[in-house]
PDB file of all heavy atoms in Angstrom:
ATOM      1  N   ALA A   1     -17.304  18.252  38.211  1.00  0.00           N
ATOM      2  CA  ALA A   1     -17.534  18.838  36.985  1.00  0.00           C
ATOM      3  C   ALA A   1     -18.727  19.778  37.068  1.00  0.00           C
ATOM      4  O   ALA A   1     -19.790  19.334  37.489  1.00  0.00           O
ATOM      5  CB  ALA A   1     -17.736  17.878  35.906  1.00  0.00           C
ATOM      6  N   LEU A   2     -18.599  21.102  36.727  1.00  0.00           N
ATOM      7  CA  LEU A   2     -19.697  21.920  36.535  1.00  0.00           C
ATOM      8  C   LEU A   2     -20.301  21.837  35.284  1.00  0.00           C
ATOM      9  O   LEU A   2     -19.822  22.158  34.271  1.00  0.00           O
ATOM     10  CB  LEU A   2     -19.349  23.396  36.863  1.00  0.00           C
ATOM     11  CG  LEU A   2     -18.523  23.739  38.057  1.00  0.00           C
ATOM     12  CD1 LEU A   2     -18.407  25.121  38.269  1.00  0.00           C
ATOM     13  CD2 LEU A   2     -19.215  23.136  39.356  1.00  0.00           C
ATOM     14  N   MET A   3     -21.558  21.287  35.295  1.00  0.00           N
ATOM     15  CA  MET A   3     -22.246  20.936  34.032  1.00  0.00           C
ATOM     16  C   MET A   3     -22.794  22.314  33.409  1.00  0.00           C
ATOM     17  O   MET A   3     -22.760  22.518  32.167  1.00  0.00           O
ATOM     18  CB  MET A   3     -23.466  19.911  34.250  1.00  0.00           C
ATOM     19  CG  MET A   3     -22.895  18.827  34.973  1.00  0.00           C
ATOM     20  SD  MET A   3     -21.365  17.975  34.303  1.00  0.00           S
ATOM     21  CE  MET A   3     -21.995  17.506  32.765  1.00  0.00           C
ATOM     22  N   ARG A   4     -23.533  23.132  34.217  1.00  0.00           N
ATOM     23  CA  ARG A   4     -24.088  24.345  33.722  1.00  0.00           C
ATOM     24  C   ARG A   4     -24.460  25.127  34.991  1.00  0.00           C
ATOM     25  O   ARG A   4     -24.657  24.657  36.034  1.00  0.00           O
ATOM     26  CB  ARG A   4     -25.238  24.193  32.806  1.00  0.00           C
ATOM     27  CG  ARG A   4     -26.509  23.513  33.376  1.00  0.00           C
ATOM     28  CD  ARG A   4     -27.694  23.561  32.467  1.00  0.00           C
ATOM     29  NE  ARG A   4     -28.790  22.887  33.020  1.00  0.00           N
ATOM     30  CZ  ARG A   4     -30.052  22.970  32.629  1.00  0.00           C
ATOM     31  NH1 ARG A   4     -30.419  23.764  31.532  1.00  0.00           N
ATOM     32  NH2 ARG A   4     -31.078  22.317  33.072  1.00  0.00           N
ATOM     33  N   LEU A   5     -24.676  26.553  34.780  1.00  0.00           N
ATOM     34  CA  LEU A   5     -25.110  27.373  35.752  1.00  0.00           C
ATOM     35  C   LEU A   5     -26.606  27.440  35.621  1.00  0.00           C
ATOM     36  O   LEU A   5     -27.132  27.447  34.509  1.00  0.00           O
ATOM     37  CB  LEU A   5     -24.543  28.750  35.753  1.00  0.00           C
ATOM     38  CG  LEU A   5     -23.035  28.755  36.029  1.00  0.00           C
ATOM     39  CD1 LEU A   5     -22.612  30.312  36.088  1.00  0.00           C
ATOM     40  CD2 LEU A   5     -22.572  28.082  37.299  1.00  0.00           C
ATOM     41  N   LYS A   6     -27.427  27.560  36.678  1.00  0.00           N
ATOM     42  CA  LYS A   6     -28.892  27.588  36.508  1.00  0.00           C
ATOM     43  C   LYS A   6     -29.277  29.161  36.047  1.00  0.00           C
ATOM     44  O   LYS A   6     -28.554  30.130  36.625  1.00  0.00           O
ATOM     45  CB  LYS A   6     -29.489  27.411  37.920  1.00  0.00           C
ATOM     46  CG  LYS A   6     -29.362  26.133  38.517  1.00  0.00           C
ATOM     47  CD  LYS A   6     -30.127  24.976  37.632  1.00  0.00           C
ATOM     48  CE  LYS A   6     -30.250  23.573  38.360  1.00  0.00           C
ATOM     49  NZ  LYS A   6     -30.976  22.673  37.556  1.00  0.00           N
ATOM     50  N   ASP A   7     -30.111  29.280  35.179  1.00  0.00           N
ATOM     51  CA  ASP A   7     -30.626  30.499  34.732  1.00  0.00           C
ATOM     52  C   ASP A   7     -31.850  30.907  35.626  1.00  0.00           C
ATOM     53  O   ASP A   7     -32.964  30.534  35.300  1.00  0.00           O
ATOM     54  CB  ASP A   7     -30.991  30.533  33.260  1.00  0.00           C
ATOM     55  CG  ASP A   7     -31.276  31.945  32.653  1.00  0.00           C
ATOM     56  OD1 ASP A   7     -31.206  32.840  33.440  1.00  0.00           O
ATOM     57  OD2 ASP A   7     -31.767  31.873  31.391  1.00  0.00           O
ATOM     58  N   LYS A   8     -31.620  31.651  36.726  1.00  0.00           N
ATOM     59  CA  LYS A   8     -32.616  31.795  37.702  1.00  0.00           C
ATOM     60  C   LYS A   8     -33.439  33.091  37.551  1.00  0.00           C
ATOM     61  O   LYS A   8     -32.966  34.068  36.878  1.00  0.00           O
ATOM     62  CB  LYS A   8     -31.939  31.841  39.168  1.00  0.00           C
ATOM     63  CG  LYS A   8     -31.166  30.550  39.388  1.00  0.00           C
ATOM     64  CD  LYS A   8     -30.375  30.725  40.654  1.00  0.00           C
ATOM     65  CE  LYS A   8     -29.259  31.825  40.414  1.00  0.00           C
ATOM     66  NZ  LYS A   8     -28.325  31.844  41.665  1.00  0.00           N
ATOM     67  N   LEU A   9     -34.612  33.037  38.137  1.00  0.00           N
ATOM     68  CA  LEU A   9     -35.626  34.189  38.167  1.00  0.00           C
ATOM     69  C   LEU A   9     -34.771  35.390  38.794  1.00  0.00           C
ATOM     70  O   LEU A   9     -34.857  36.540  38.178  1.00  0.00           O
ATOM     71  CB  LEU A   9     -36.790  33.926  38.885  1.00  0.00           C
ATOM     72  CG  LEU A   9     -37.669  35.183  39.342  1.00  0.00           C
ATOM     73  CD1 LEU A   9     -38.356  35.675  38.088  1.00  0.00           C
ATOM     74  CD2 LEU A   9     -38.813  34.682  40.257  1.00  0.00           C
ATOM     75  N   GLY A  10     -34.092  35.177  40.015  1.00  0.00           N
ATOM     76  CA  GLY A  10     -33.449  36.346  40.516  1.00  0.00           C
ATOM     77  C   GLY A  10     -32.059  35.693  41.313  1.00  0.00           C
ATOM     78  O   GLY A  10     -31.544  34.786  40.706  1.00  0.00           O
ATOM     79  N   ASN A  11     -31.767  36.268  42.439  1.00  0.00           N
ATOM     80  CA  ASN A  11     -30.463  35.886  42.957  1.00  0.00           C
ATOM     81  C   ASN A  11     -29.332  35.848  42.048  1.00  0.00           C
ATOM     82  O   ASN A  11     -28.557  34.884  41.950  1.00  0.00           O
ATOM     83  CB  ASN A  11     -30.830  34.445  43.507  1.00  0.00           C
ATOM     84  CG  ASN A  11     -29.957  34.249  44.782  1.00  0.00           C
ATOM     85  OD1 ASN A  11     -29.103  33.268  44.861  1.00  0.00           O
ATOM     86  ND2 ASN A  11     -30.114  34.921  45.914  1.00  0.00           N
ATOM     87  N   ARG A  12     -29.326  36.880  41.303  1.00  0.00           N
ATOM     88  CA  ARG A  12     -28.399  36.832  40.043  1.00  0.00           C
ATOM     89  C   ARG A  12     -26.874  36.909  40.369  1.00  0.00           C
ATOM     90  O   ARG A  12     -26.043  36.507  39.584  1.00  0.00           O
ATOM     91  CB  ARG A  12     -28.757  37.874  39.101  1.00  0.00           C
ATOM     92  CG  ARG A  12     -30.187  37.549  38.469  1.00  0.00           C
ATOM     93  CD  ARG A  12     -30.711  38.579  37.475  1.00  0.00           C
ATOM     94  NE  ARG A  12     -31.914  38.244  36.764  1.00  0.00           N
ATOM     95  CZ  ARG A  12     -32.572  39.002  36.007  1.00  0.00           C
ATOM     96  NH1 ARG A  12     -32.190  40.153  35.850  1.00  0.00           N
ATOM     97  NH2 ARG A  12     -33.741  38.629  35.493  1.00  0.00           N
ATOM     98  N   ALA A  13     -26.578  37.641  41.425  1.00  0.00           N
ATOM     99  CA  ALA A  13     -25.102  37.779  41.780  1.00  0.00           C
ATOM    100  C   ALA A  13     -24.525  36.434  42.177  1.00  0.00           C
ATOM    101  O   ALA A  13     -23.299  36.249  42.127  1.00  0.00           O
ATOM    102  CB  ALA A  13     -24.913  38.771  42.881  1.00  0.00           C
ATOM    103  N   ASN A  14     -25.329  35.531  42.577  1.00  0.00           N
ATOM    104  CA  ASN A  14     -24.885  34.225  43.226  1.00  0.00           C
ATOM    105  C   ASN A  14     -25.033  33.183  42.054  1.00  0.00           C
ATOM    106  O   ASN A  14     -26.057  33.052  41.436  1.00  0.00           O
ATOM    107  CB  ASN A  14     -25.701  33.895  44.430  1.00  0.00           C
ATOM    108  CG  ASN A  14     -25.266  32.456  44.925  1.00  0.00           C
ATOM    109  OD1 ASN A  14     -24.191  32.159  45.141  1.00  0.00           O
ATOM    110  ND2 ASN A  14     -26.195  31.607  45.173  1.00  0.00           N
ATOM    111  N   ALA A  15     -24.059  32.336  41.948  1.00  0.00           N
ATOM    112  CA  ALA A  15     -24.153  31.187  41.063  1.00  0.00           C
ATOM    113  C   ALA A  15     -24.727  30.025  41.645  1.00  0.00           C
ATOM    114  O   ALA A  15     -24.280  29.663  42.855  1.00  0.00           O
ATOM    115  CB  ALA A  15     -22.626  30.882  40.510  1.00  0.00           C
ATOM    116  N   SER A  16     -25.556  29.280  40.950  1.00  0.00           N
ATOM    117  CA  SER A  16     -26.083  27.946  41.365  1.00  0.00           C
ATOM    118  C   SER A  16     -25.712  27.104  40.207  1.00  0.00           C
ATOM    119  O   SER A  16     -26.040  27.419  38.997  1.00  0.00           O
ATOM    120  CB  SER A  16     -27.631  28.107  41.691  1.00  0.00           C
ATOM    121  OG  SER A  16     -27.923  28.925  42.729  1.00  0.00           O
ATOM    122  N   ALA A  17     -25.386  25.816  40.386  1.00  0.00           N
ATOM    123  CA  ALA A  17     -24.960  24.946  39.446  1.00  0.00           C
ATOM    124  C   ALA A  17     -25.498  23.573  39.498  1.00  0.00           C
ATOM    125  O   ALA A  17     -25.874  23.124  40.565  1.00  0.00           O
ATOM    126  CB  ALA A  17     -23.431  24.853  39.342  1.00  0.00           C
ATOM    127  N   GLU A  18     -25.482  22.806  38.315  1.00  0.00           N
ATOM    128  CA  GLU A  18     -25.575  21.522  38.323  1.00  0.00           C
ATOM    129  C   GLU A  18     -24.268  20.834  38.270  1.00  0.00           C
ATOM    130  O   GLU A  18     -23.358  21.360  37.494  1.00  0.00           O
ATOM    131  CB  GLU A  18     -26.371  20.956  37.083  1.00  0.00           C
ATOM    132  CG  GLU A  18     -27.874  21.431  36.991  1.00  0.00           C
ATOM    133  CD  GLU A  18     -28.438  21.285  35.683  1.00  0.00           C
ATOM    134  OE1 GLU A  18     -28.086  20.237  35.002  1.00  0.00           O
ATOM    135  OE2 GLU A  18     -29.413  22.018  35.257  1.00  0.00           O
ATOM    136  N   ILE A  19     -23.944  19.975  39.093  1.00  0.00           N
ATOM    137  CA  ILE A  19     -22.527  19.418  39.241  1.00  0.00           C
ATOM    138  C   ILE A  19     -22.579  17.831  39.054  1.00  0.00           C
ATOM    139  O   ILE A  19     -23.664  17.209  39.290  1.00  0.00           O
ATOM    140  CB  ILE A  19     -21.854  19.793  40.442  1.00  0.00           C
ATOM    141  CG1 ILE A  19     -22.363  19.123  41.694  1.00  0.00           C
ATOM    142  CG2 ILE A  19     -21.862  21.298  40.633  1.00  0.00           C
ATOM    143  CD1 ILE A  19     -21.638  19.335  43.081  1.00  0.00           C
ATOM    144  N   GLU A  20     -21.408  17.131  38.682  1.00  0.00           N
ATOM    145  CA  GLU A  20     -21.223  15.938  38.736  1.00  0.00           C
ATOM    146  C   GLU A  20     -20.015  15.522  39.557  1.00  0.00           C
ATOM    147  O   GLU A  20     -18.972  16.204  39.355  1.00  0.00           O
ATOM    148  CB  GLU A  20     -21.119  15.139  37.355  1.00  0.00           C
ATOM    149  CG  GLU A  20     -22.432  15.238  36.637  1.00  0.00           C
ATOM    150  CD  GLU A  20     -22.450  14.515  35.244  1.00  0.00           C
ATOM    151  OE1 GLU A  20     -21.221  14.045  34.862  1.00  0.00           O
ATOM    152  OE2 GLU A  20     -23.415  14.308  34.606  1.00  0.00           O
ATOM    153  N   TYR A  21     -20.135  14.483  40.425  1.00  0.00           N
ATOM    154  CA  TYR A  21     -19.037  13.897  41.093  1.00  0.00           C
ATOM    155  C   TYR A  21     -18.577  12.807  40.199  1.00  0.00           C
ATOM    156  O   TYR A  21     -19.260  11.737  39.912  1.00  0.00           O
ATOM    157  CB  TYR A  21     -19.343  13.281  42.463  1.00  0.00           C
ATOM    158  CG  TYR A  21     -20.029  14.419  43.400  1.00  0.00           C
ATOM    159  CD1 TYR A  21     -21.048  14.192  44.137  1.00  0.00           C
ATOM    160  CD2 TYR A  21     -19.212  15.583  43.611  1.00  0.00           C
ATOM    161  CE1 TYR A  21     -21.599  15.043  45.124  1.00  0.00           C
ATOM    162  CE2 TYR A  21     -19.798  16.547  44.502  1.00  0.00           C
ATOM    163  CZ  TYR A  21     -20.965  16.291  45.347  1.00  0.00           C
ATOM    164  OH  TYR A  21     -21.320  17.210  46.150  1.00  0.00           O
ATOM    165  N   GLN A  22     -17.392  12.909  39.712  1.00  0.00           N
ATOM    166  CA  GLN A  22     -16.758  11.886  38.751  1.00  0.00           C
ATOM    167  C   GLN A  22     -15.648  11.118  39.442  1.00  0.00           C
ATOM    168  O   GLN A  22     -14.504  11.247  39.021  1.00  0.00           O
ATOM    169  CB  GLN A  22     -16.317  12.574  37.548  1.00  0.00           C
ATOM    170  CG  GLN A  22     -17.487  13.253  36.864  1.00  0.00           C
ATOM    171  CD  GLN A  22     -17.038  14.074  35.544  1.00  0.00           C
ATOM    172  OE1 GLN A  22     -15.890  14.348  35.395  1.00  0.00           O
ATOM    173  NE2 GLN A  22     -17.973  14.487  34.654  1.00  0.00           N
ATOM    174  N   GLY A  23     -16.006  10.466  40.530  1.00  0.00           N
ATOM    175  CA  GLY A  23     -14.959   9.804  41.360  1.00  0.00           C
ATOM    176  C   GLY A  23     -14.298  10.781  42.369  1.00  0.00           C
ATOM    177  O   GLY A  23     -13.137  10.727  42.691  1.00  0.00           O
ATOM    178  N   ALA A  24     -15.028  11.913  42.713  1.00  0.00           N
ATOM    179  CA  ALA A  24     -14.636  12.965  43.709  1.00  0.00           C
ATOM    180  C   ALA A  24     -14.197  12.302  44.961  1.00  0.00           C
ATOM    181  O   ALA A  24     -14.895  11.665  45.550  1.00  0.00           O
ATOM    182  CB  ALA A  24     -15.515  14.066  43.724  1.00  0.00           C
ATOM    183  N   PHE A  25     -13.140  12.938  45.541  1.00  0.00           N
ATOM    184  CA  PHE A  25     -12.522  12.531  46.843  1.00  0.00           C
ATOM    185  C   PHE A  25     -13.345  13.222  47.810  1.00  0.00           C
ATOM    186  O   PHE A  25     -13.718  14.323  47.626  1.00  0.00           O
ATOM    187  CB  PHE A  25     -11.151  12.834  46.991  1.00  0.00           C
ATOM    188  CG  PHE A  25     -10.543  12.468  48.353  1.00  0.00           C
ATOM    189  CD1 PHE A  25     -10.230  11.207  48.711  1.00  0.00           C
ATOM    190  CD2 PHE A  25     -10.488  13.440  49.378  1.00  0.00           C
ATOM    191  CE1 PHE A  25      -9.717  11.007  50.007  1.00  0.00           C
ATOM    192  CE2 PHE A  25     -10.078  13.154  50.679  1.00  0.00           C
ATOM    193  CZ  PHE A  25      -9.779  11.916  50.937  1.00  0.00           C
ATOM    194  N   ALA A  26     -13.743  12.409  48.986  1.00  0.00           N
ATOM    195  CA  ALA A  26     -14.551  12.911  49.983  1.00  0.00           C
ATOM    196  C   ALA A  26     -14.251  12.379  51.376  1.00  0.00           C
ATOM    197  O   ALA A  26     -13.655  11.330  51.450  1.00  0.00           O
ATOM    198  CB  ALA A  26     -16.088  12.801  49.721  1.00  0.00           C
ATOM    199  N   HIS A  27     -14.570  13.163  52.428  1.00  0.00           N
ATOM    200  CA  HIS A  27     -14.410  12.707  53.807  1.00  0.00           C
ATOM    201  C   HIS A  27     -15.835  12.231  54.330  1.00  0.00           C
ATOM    202  O   HIS A  27     -16.767  13.139  54.080  1.00  0.00           O
ATOM    203  CB  HIS A  27     -13.844  13.817  54.677  1.00  0.00           C
ATOM    204  CG  HIS A  27     -12.560  14.376  54.274  1.00  0.00           C
ATOM    205  ND1 HIS A  27     -11.318  13.691  54.466  1.00  0.00           N
ATOM    206  CD2 HIS A  27     -12.214  15.472  53.651  1.00  0.00           C
ATOM    207  CE1 HIS A  27     -10.385  14.528  53.967  1.00  0.00           C
ATOM    208  NE2 HIS A  27     -10.902  15.541  53.501  1.00  0.00           N
ATOM    209  N   ARG A  28     -15.913  11.218  55.076  1.00  0.00           N
ATOM    210  CA  ARG A  28     -17.207  10.926  55.647  1.00  0.00           C
ATOM    211  C   ARG A  28     -17.434  11.590  56.816  1.00  0.00           C
ATOM    212  O   ARG A  28     -16.441  11.933  57.674  1.00  0.00           O
ATOM    213  CB  ARG A  28     -17.211   9.431  55.938  1.00  0.00           C
ATOM    214  CG  ARG A  28     -18.668   8.790  56.259  1.00  0.00           C
ATOM    215  CD  ARG A  28     -18.680   7.490  56.798  1.00  0.00           C
ATOM    216  NE  ARG A  28     -18.299   7.469  58.278  1.00  0.00           N
ATOM    217  CZ  ARG A  28     -17.465   6.483  58.908  1.00  0.00           C
ATOM    218  NH1 ARG A  28     -17.199   5.450  58.244  1.00  0.00           N
ATOM    219  NH2 ARG A  28     -17.308   6.640  60.100  1.00  0.00           N
ATOM    220  N   LEU A  29     -18.629  12.274  56.955  1.00  0.00           N
ATOM    221  CA  LEU A  29     -18.947  12.929  58.283  1.00  0.00           C
ATOM    222  C   LEU A  29     -20.112  12.105  58.981  1.00  0.00           C
ATOM    223  O   LEU A  29     -21.192  11.892  58.407  1.00  0.00           O
ATOM    224  CB  LEU A  29     -19.443  14.344  57.841  1.00  0.00           C
ATOM    225  CG  LEU A  29     -18.567  15.435  57.671  1.00  0.00           C
ATOM    226  CD1 LEU A  29     -19.342  16.788  57.350  1.00  0.00           C
ATOM    227  CD2 LEU A  29     -17.499  15.628  58.834  1.00  0.00           C
ATOM    228  N   GLY A  30     -19.842  11.761  60.183  1.00  0.00           N
ATOM    229  CA  GLY A  30     -20.935  11.008  60.930  1.00  0.00           C
ATOM    230  C   GLY A  30     -20.858   9.553  60.612  1.00  0.00           C
ATOM    231  O   GLY A  30     -19.969   9.009  59.721  1.00  0.00           O
ATOM    232  N   GLU A  31     -21.813   8.807  61.082  1.00  0.00           N
ATOM    233  CA  GLU A  31     -21.911   7.368  60.905  1.00  0.00           C
ATOM    234  C   GLU A  31     -22.604   7.098  59.507  1.00  0.00           C
ATOM    235  O   GLU A  31     -23.362   7.915  58.919  1.00  0.00           O
ATOM    236  CB  GLU A  31     -22.885   6.705  61.977  1.00  0.00           C
ATOM    237  CG  GLU A  31     -22.443   6.962  63.396  1.00  0.00           C
ATOM    238  CD  GLU A  31     -23.312   6.350  64.377  1.00  0.00           C
ATOM    239  OE1 GLU A  31     -24.146   5.446  64.036  1.00  0.00           O
ATOM    240  OE2 GLU A  31     -23.303   6.805  65.501  1.00  0.00           O
ATOM    241  N   GLU A  32     -22.085   6.031  58.988  1.00  0.00           N
ATOM    242  CA  GLU A  32     -22.656   5.501  57.723  1.00  0.00           C
ATOM    243  C   GLU A  32     -24.183   5.295  57.912  1.00  0.00           C
ATOM    244  O   GLU A  32     -24.499   4.723  59.066  1.00  0.00           O
ATOM    245  CB  GLU A  32     -22.083   4.293  57.318  1.00  0.00           C
ATOM    246  CG  GLU A  32     -20.633   4.449  56.636  1.00  0.00           C
ATOM    247  CD  GLU A  32     -20.082   3.155  56.038  1.00  0.00           C
ATOM    248  OE1 GLU A  32     -20.773   2.735  55.073  1.00  0.00           O
ATOM    249  OE2 GLU A  32     -19.086   2.640  56.487  1.00  0.00           O
ATOM    250  N   GLY A  33     -25.052   5.641  57.024  1.00  0.00           N
ATOM    251  CA  GLY A  33     -26.482   5.435  57.090  1.00  0.00           C
ATOM    252  C   GLY A  33     -27.199   6.476  57.878  1.00  0.00           C
ATOM    253  O   GLY A  33     -28.435   6.459  57.916  1.00  0.00           O
ATOM    254  N   ARG A  34     -26.481   7.488  58.475  1.00  0.00           N
ATOM    255  CA  ARG A  34     -27.013   8.504  59.241  1.00  0.00           C
ATOM    256  C   ARG A  34     -26.855  10.042  58.614  1.00  0.00           C
ATOM    257  O   ARG A  34     -26.607  10.945  59.152  1.00  0.00           O
ATOM    258  CB  ARG A  34     -26.637   8.524  60.653  1.00  0.00           C
ATOM    259  CG  ARG A  34     -27.137   7.350  61.406  1.00  0.00           C
ATOM    260  CD  ARG A  34     -26.996   7.339  63.003  1.00  0.00           C
ATOM    261  NE  ARG A  34     -27.476   8.675  63.529  1.00  0.00           N
ATOM    262  CZ  ARG A  34     -28.617   9.057  63.812  1.00  0.00           C
ATOM    263  NH1 ARG A  34     -29.655   8.223  63.557  1.00  0.00           N
ATOM    264  NH2 ARG A  34     -28.853  10.241  64.317  1.00  0.00           N
ATOM    265  N   GLY A  35     -26.854   9.956  57.232  1.00  0.00           N
ATOM    266  CA  GLY A  35     -26.588  11.206  56.585  1.00  0.00           C
ATOM    267  C   GLY A  35     -27.442  12.359  56.737  1.00  0.00           C
ATOM    268  O   GLY A  35     -27.070  13.435  56.966  1.00  0.00           O
ATOM    269  N   ILE A  36     -28.759  11.924  56.768  1.00  0.00           N
ATOM    270  CA  ILE A  36     -29.778  13.051  57.020  1.00  0.00           C
ATOM    271  C   ILE A  36     -29.654  13.691  58.436  1.00  0.00           C
ATOM    272  O   ILE A  36     -29.688  14.884  58.570  1.00  0.00           O
ATOM    273  CB  ILE A  36     -31.126  12.575  56.699  1.00  0.00           C
ATOM    274  CG1 ILE A  36     -31.344  12.325  55.303  1.00  0.00           C
ATOM    275  CG2 ILE A  36     -32.215  13.605  57.203  1.00  0.00           C
ATOM    276  CD1 ILE A  36     -32.692  11.822  54.773  1.00  0.00           C
TER     277      ILE A  36
END
């Protein structure tokens, strides 16, 4: 879910958003616990 777009100082052609994962499907990448 896209909650809202950020009202930014610049970078206006590009959208930046606040989002929520509401049970979103995902693939794990790499080992568990080594996300960073």
